[in-house]
Amino acid sequence: MADVDYAAYCDLRLALLAPDRAELAVACWTVYTDTARYFGDDPPTEAETKLQPEGTAITDLAETVRFIDDLAYELKARDLPRPHGRHLAITIPIR
């Protein structure tokens, strides 16, 4: 998702836990184009679009919580979001 002043990124990871359920892990972050312009990178560097250690992006916990809460509701998660490295994870049923 992007606009003139920012781009929002999300890293989704899906792992099969059993035939009837999977683990979905999410991390979100935002790259502000105005900040990049101020520091001389226009557009922002490629490293800002990737999480560490491959890039320089830092997870935005508040944005990640909002996003995973929405996913948990829509996908009828079997548990509450829990830490999973730089991500938050939920267990979802597979239909």
N, C-alpha and C. Protein backbone atom coordinates (compact mmCIF):
# COMPACT_ATOMS: atom_id res chain seq x y z
N MET A 1 0.86 -1.15 0.00
CA MET A 1 0.00 0.00 0.00
C MET A 1 0.91 1.22 0.00
N ALA A 2 0.60 2.21 -0.84
CA ALA A 2 1.47 3.38 -0.92
C ALA A 2 0.68 4.63 -1.26
N ASP A 3 1.26 5.76 -0.91
CA ASP A 3 0.73 7.08 -1.23
C ASP A 3 1.93 7.92 -1.62
N VAL A 4 1.74 9.20 -1.79
CA VAL A 4 2.82 10.09 -2.18
C VAL A 4 3.87 10.18 -1.07
N ASP A 5 3.44 10.22 0.18
CA ASP A 5 4.35 10.46 1.30
C ASP A 5 4.83 9.22 2.03
N TYR A 6 4.24 8.06 1.77
CA TYR A 6 4.63 6.86 2.51
C TYR A 6 4.32 5.61 1.70
N ALA A 7 4.92 4.51 2.15
CA ALA A 7 4.58 3.19 1.63
C ALA A 7 4.51 2.25 2.82
N ALA A 8 3.44 1.49 2.94
CA ALA A 8 3.28 0.54 4.02
C ALA A 8 3.58 -0.86 3.49
N TYR A 9 4.35 -1.60 4.26
CA TYR A 9 4.76 -2.94 3.87
C TYR A 9 4.29 -3.95 4.91
N CYS A 10 4.12 -5.19 4.47
CA CYS A 10 3.71 -6.25 5.37
C CYS A 10 4.40 -7.54 4.92
N ASP A 11 4.99 -8.23 5.86
CA ASP A 11 5.61 -9.52 5.58
C ASP A 11 4.71 -10.59 6.18
N LEU A 12 4.19 -11.47 5.34
CA LEU A 12 3.31 -12.56 5.78
C LEU A 12 4.06 -13.88 5.63
N ARG A 13 3.96 -14.71 6.65
CA ARG A 13 4.56 -16.04 6.60
C ARG A 13 3.51 -17.05 7.01
N LEU A 14 3.36 -18.08 6.22
CA LEU A 14 2.36 -19.10 6.46
C LEU A 14 3.04 -20.45 6.56
N ALA A 15 2.74 -21.19 7.63
CA ALA A 15 3.32 -22.52 7.83
C ALA A 15 2.21 -23.50 8.17
N LEU A 16 2.21 -24.63 7.52
CA LEU A 16 1.24 -25.68 7.80
C LEU A 16 1.62 -26.39 9.10
N LEU A 17 0.70 -26.39 10.07
CA LEU A 17 0.94 -27.05 11.35
C LEU A 17 0.35 -28.45 11.37
N ALA A 18 -0.78 -28.64 10.74
CA ALA A 18 -1.50 -29.91 10.68
C ALA A 18 -2.43 -29.83 9.47
N PRO A 19 -3.05 -30.93 9.08
CA PRO A 19 -3.94 -30.87 7.92
C PRO A 19 -5.10 -29.89 8.07
N ASP A 20 -5.46 -29.57 9.32
CA ASP A 20 -6.61 -28.69 9.52
C ASP A 20 -6.27 -27.29 10.04
N ARG A 21 -4.97 -26.98 10.18
CA ARG A 21 -4.62 -25.64 10.69
C ARG A 21 -3.23 -25.20 10.21
N ALA A 22 -3.06 -23.88 10.21
CA ALA A 22 -1.80 -23.27 9.78
C ALA A 22 -1.46 -22.11 10.71
N GLU A 23 -0.19 -21.76 10.73
CA GLU A 23 0.25 -20.61 11.50
C GLU A 23 0.52 -19.46 10.52
N LEU A 24 -0.08 -18.31 10.80
CA LEU A 24 0.09 -17.11 9.98
C LEU A 24 0.83 -16.09 10.83
N ALA A 25 2.00 -15.66 10.36
CA ALA A 25 2.80 -14.67 11.07
C ALA A 25 2.88 -13.39 10.23
N VAL A 26 2.77 -12.24 10.90
CA VAL A 26 2.69 -10.95 10.21
C VAL A 26 3.63 -9.94 10.87
N ALA A 27 4.28 -9.13 10.04
CA ALA A 27 5.04 -7.97 10.52
C ALA A 27 4.76 -6.82 9.55
N CYS A 28 4.48 -5.63 10.08
CA CYS A 28 4.18 -4.46 9.26
C CYS A 28 5.14 -3.33 9.58
N TRP A 29 5.43 -2.49 8.59
CA TRP A 29 6.24 -1.30 8.80
C TRP A 29 5.92 -0.28 7.72
N THR A 30 6.30 0.95 7.97
CA THR A 30 6.03 2.04 7.05
C THR A 30 7.34 2.74 6.69
N VAL A 31 7.49 3.07 5.41
CA VAL A 31 8.62 3.86 4.94
C VAL A 31 8.08 5.22 4.54
N TYR A 32 8.59 6.27 5.18
CA TYR A 32 8.13 7.63 4.91
C TYR A 32 9.00 8.28 3.85
N THR A 33 8.42 8.58 2.70
CA THR A 33 9.14 9.16 1.58
C THR A 33 9.71 10.52 1.92
N ASP A 34 8.98 11.35 2.67
CA ASP A 34 9.49 12.67 3.05
C ASP A 34 10.76 12.56 3.86
N THR A 35 10.83 11.58 4.77
CA THR A 35 12.05 11.37 5.55
C THR A 35 13.19 10.96 4.64
N ALA A 36 12.90 10.09 3.69
CA ALA A 36 13.92 9.66 2.74
C ALA A 36 14.43 10.85 1.92
N ARG A 37 13.52 11.71 1.50
CA ARG A 37 13.94 12.90 0.74
C ARG A 37 14.85 13.79 1.59
N TYR A 38 14.50 13.92 2.86
CA TYR A 38 15.28 14.77 3.76
C TYR A 38 16.72 14.26 3.89
N PHE A 39 16.86 12.94 3.96
CA PHE A 39 18.19 12.36 4.10
C PHE A 39 18.85 12.07 2.75
N GLY A 40 18.20 12.44 1.65
CA GLY A 40 18.83 12.33 0.34
C GLY A 40 18.48 11.09 -0.45
N ASP A 41 17.67 10.21 0.07
CA ASP A 41 17.28 9.01 -0.67
C ASP A 41 15.88 9.22 -1.24
N ASP A 42 15.79 9.47 -2.52
CA ASP A 42 14.49 9.66 -3.15
C ASP A 42 14.48 8.87 -4.45
N PRO A 43 13.82 7.76 -4.53
CA PRO A 43 12.95 7.15 -3.53
C PRO A 43 13.76 6.49 -2.42
N PRO A 44 13.08 5.98 -1.39
CA PRO A 44 13.80 5.30 -0.30
C PRO A 44 14.63 4.13 -0.84
N THR A 45 15.66 3.80 -0.11
CA THR A 45 16.54 2.71 -0.55
C THR A 45 15.81 1.37 -0.48
N GLU A 46 16.28 0.42 -1.24
CA GLU A 46 15.70 -0.93 -1.26
C GLU A 46 15.75 -1.58 0.12
N ALA A 47 16.80 -1.27 0.90
CA ALA A 47 16.96 -1.86 2.23
C ALA A 47 15.80 -1.51 3.15
N GLU A 48 15.18 -0.34 2.94
CA GLU A 48 14.07 0.07 3.79
C GLU A 48 12.80 -0.74 3.54
N THR A 49 12.76 -1.47 2.45
CA THR A 49 11.57 -2.27 2.12
C THR A 49 11.69 -3.70 2.61
N LYS A 50 12.79 -4.02 3.32
CA LYS A 50 13.01 -5.39 3.81
C LYS A 50 13.32 -5.34 5.30
N LEU A 51 12.82 -6.34 6.03
CA LEU A 51 13.12 -6.46 7.45
C LEU A 51 14.58 -6.84 7.66
N GLN A 52 15.08 -6.55 8.85
CA GLN A 52 16.44 -6.94 9.21
C GLN A 52 16.51 -8.46 9.28
N PRO A 53 17.56 -9.16 8.99
CA PRO A 53 18.88 -8.64 8.69
C PRO A 53 19.10 -8.32 7.22
N GLU A 54 18.17 -8.68 6.32
CA GLU A 54 18.35 -8.39 4.90
C GLU A 54 18.28 -6.90 4.61
N GLY A 55 17.45 -6.18 5.39
CA GLY A 55 17.27 -4.75 5.16
C GLY A 55 17.37 -3.98 6.47
N THR A 56 16.83 -2.76 6.45
CA THR A 56 16.92 -1.89 7.63
C THR A 56 15.57 -1.63 8.28
N ALA A 57 14.50 -2.21 7.73
CA ALA A 57 13.16 -1.94 8.24
C ALA A 57 12.98 -2.47 9.66
N ILE A 58 12.24 -1.72 10.46
CA ILE A 58 11.92 -2.09 11.83
C ILE A 58 10.41 -2.25 11.93
N THR A 59 9.98 -3.35 12.52
CA THR A 59 8.55 -3.63 12.65
C THR A 59 7.84 -2.54 13.44
N ASP A 60 6.70 -2.09 12.92
CA ASP A 60 5.82 -1.15 13.62
C ASP A 60 4.82 -1.99 14.39
N LEU A 61 5.05 -2.13 15.70
CA LEU A 61 4.23 -3.03 16.51
C LEU A 61 2.76 -2.64 16.52
N ALA A 62 2.46 -1.35 16.64
CA ALA A 62 1.06 -0.90 16.68
C ALA A 62 0.33 -1.26 15.38
N GLU A 63 0.98 -1.04 14.26
CA GLU A 63 0.37 -1.37 12.96
C GLU A 63 0.21 -2.88 12.81
N THR A 64 1.21 -3.63 13.25
CA THR A 64 1.16 -5.08 13.17
C THR A 64 0.01 -5.63 14.03
N VAL A 65 -0.16 -5.08 15.23
CA VAL A 65 -1.25 -5.52 16.11
C VAL A 65 -2.60 -5.26 15.46
N ARG A 66 -2.78 -4.07 14.89
CA ARG A 66 -4.07 -3.76 14.22
C ARG A 66 -4.34 -4.73 13.08
N PHE A 67 -3.32 -5.01 12.29
CA PHE A 67 -3.47 -5.87 11.12
C PHE A 67 -3.75 -7.32 11.54
N ILE A 68 -2.99 -7.84 12.50
CA ILE A 68 -3.18 -9.24 12.91
C ILE A 68 -4.51 -9.42 13.63
N ASP A 69 -4.96 -8.40 14.38
CA ASP A 69 -6.27 -8.48 15.02
C ASP A 69 -7.38 -8.59 13.98
N ASP A 70 -7.28 -7.81 12.90
CA ASP A 70 -8.26 -7.90 11.81
C ASP A 70 -8.22 -9.28 11.16
N LEU A 71 -7.01 -9.78 10.89
CA LEU A 71 -6.89 -11.11 10.29
C LEU A 71 -7.44 -12.18 11.21
N ALA A 72 -7.13 -12.08 12.49
CA ALA A 72 -7.62 -13.07 13.46
C ALA A 72 -9.14 -13.13 13.46
N TYR A 73 -9.77 -11.98 13.40
CA TYR A 73 -11.24 -11.93 13.37
C TYR A 73 -11.78 -12.52 12.07
N GLU A 74 -11.26 -12.06 10.95
CA GLU A 74 -11.76 -12.51 9.64
C GLU A 74 -11.50 -13.99 9.37
N LEU A 75 -10.37 -14.49 9.83
CA LEU A 75 -10.00 -15.88 9.56
C LEU A 75 -10.37 -16.83 10.70
N LYS A 76 -11.05 -16.30 11.72
CA LYS A 76 -11.51 -17.10 12.86
C LYS A 76 -10.34 -17.85 13.52
N ALA A 77 -9.36 -17.07 13.95
CA ALA A 77 -8.16 -17.64 14.58
C ALA A 77 -8.52 -18.46 15.80
N ARG A 78 -7.73 -19.49 16.03
CA ARG A 78 -7.95 -20.39 17.16
C ARG A 78 -7.28 -19.91 18.44
N ASP A 79 -6.46 -18.86 18.35
CA ASP A 79 -5.76 -18.35 19.53
C ASP A 79 -5.54 -16.84 19.39
N LEU A 80 -5.00 -16.25 20.42
CA LEU A 80 -4.66 -14.83 20.40
C LEU A 80 -3.30 -14.64 19.73
N PRO A 81 -3.06 -13.45 19.16
CA PRO A 81 -1.73 -13.19 18.57
C PRO A 81 -0.64 -13.37 19.62
N ARG A 82 0.47 -13.97 19.17
CA ARG A 82 1.61 -14.22 20.05
C ARG A 82 2.90 -13.84 19.31
N PRO A 83 3.94 -13.48 20.05
CA PRO A 83 5.21 -13.13 19.40
C PRO A 83 5.79 -14.32 18.63
N HIS A 84 6.37 -14.00 17.49
CA HIS A 84 7.02 -15.00 16.64
C HIS A 84 8.20 -14.29 15.96
N GLY A 85 9.30 -14.14 16.69
CA GLY A 85 10.43 -13.35 16.17
C GLY A 85 10.01 -11.90 16.06
N ARG A 86 10.20 -11.29 14.90
CA ARG A 86 9.78 -9.90 14.66
C ARG A 86 8.31 -9.82 14.26
N HIS A 87 7.66 -10.96 14.17
CA HIS A 87 6.28 -11.06 13.73
C HIS A 87 5.35 -11.34 14.91
N LEU A 88 4.06 -11.22 14.65
CA LEU A 88 3.02 -11.72 15.54
C LEU A 88 2.33 -12.84 14.79
N ALA A 89 1.99 -13.93 15.49
CA ALA A 89 1.43 -15.10 14.82
C ALA A 89 0.10 -15.51 15.43
N ILE A 90 -0.72 -16.12 14.58
CA ILE A 90 -1.99 -16.71 14.99
C ILE A 90 -2.11 -18.07 14.34
N THR A 91 -2.93 -18.92 14.92
CA THR A 91 -3.23 -20.22 14.31
C THR A 91 -4.61 -20.11 13.68
N ILE A 92 -4.69 -20.48 12.39
CA ILE A 92 -5.95 -20.35 11.66
C ILE A 92 -6.40 -21.72 11.14
N PRO A 93 -7.71 -21.91 11.07
CA PRO A 93 -8.21 -23.18 10.52
C PRO A 93 -8.08 -23.18 9.00
N ILE A 94 -7.88 -24.35 8.46
CA ILE A 94 -7.87 -24.51 7.01
C ILE A 94 -9.16 -25.19 6.63
N ARG A 95 -9.90 -24.56 5.76
CA ARG A 95 -11.22 -25.09 5.39
C ARG A 95 -11.13 -26.05 4.26
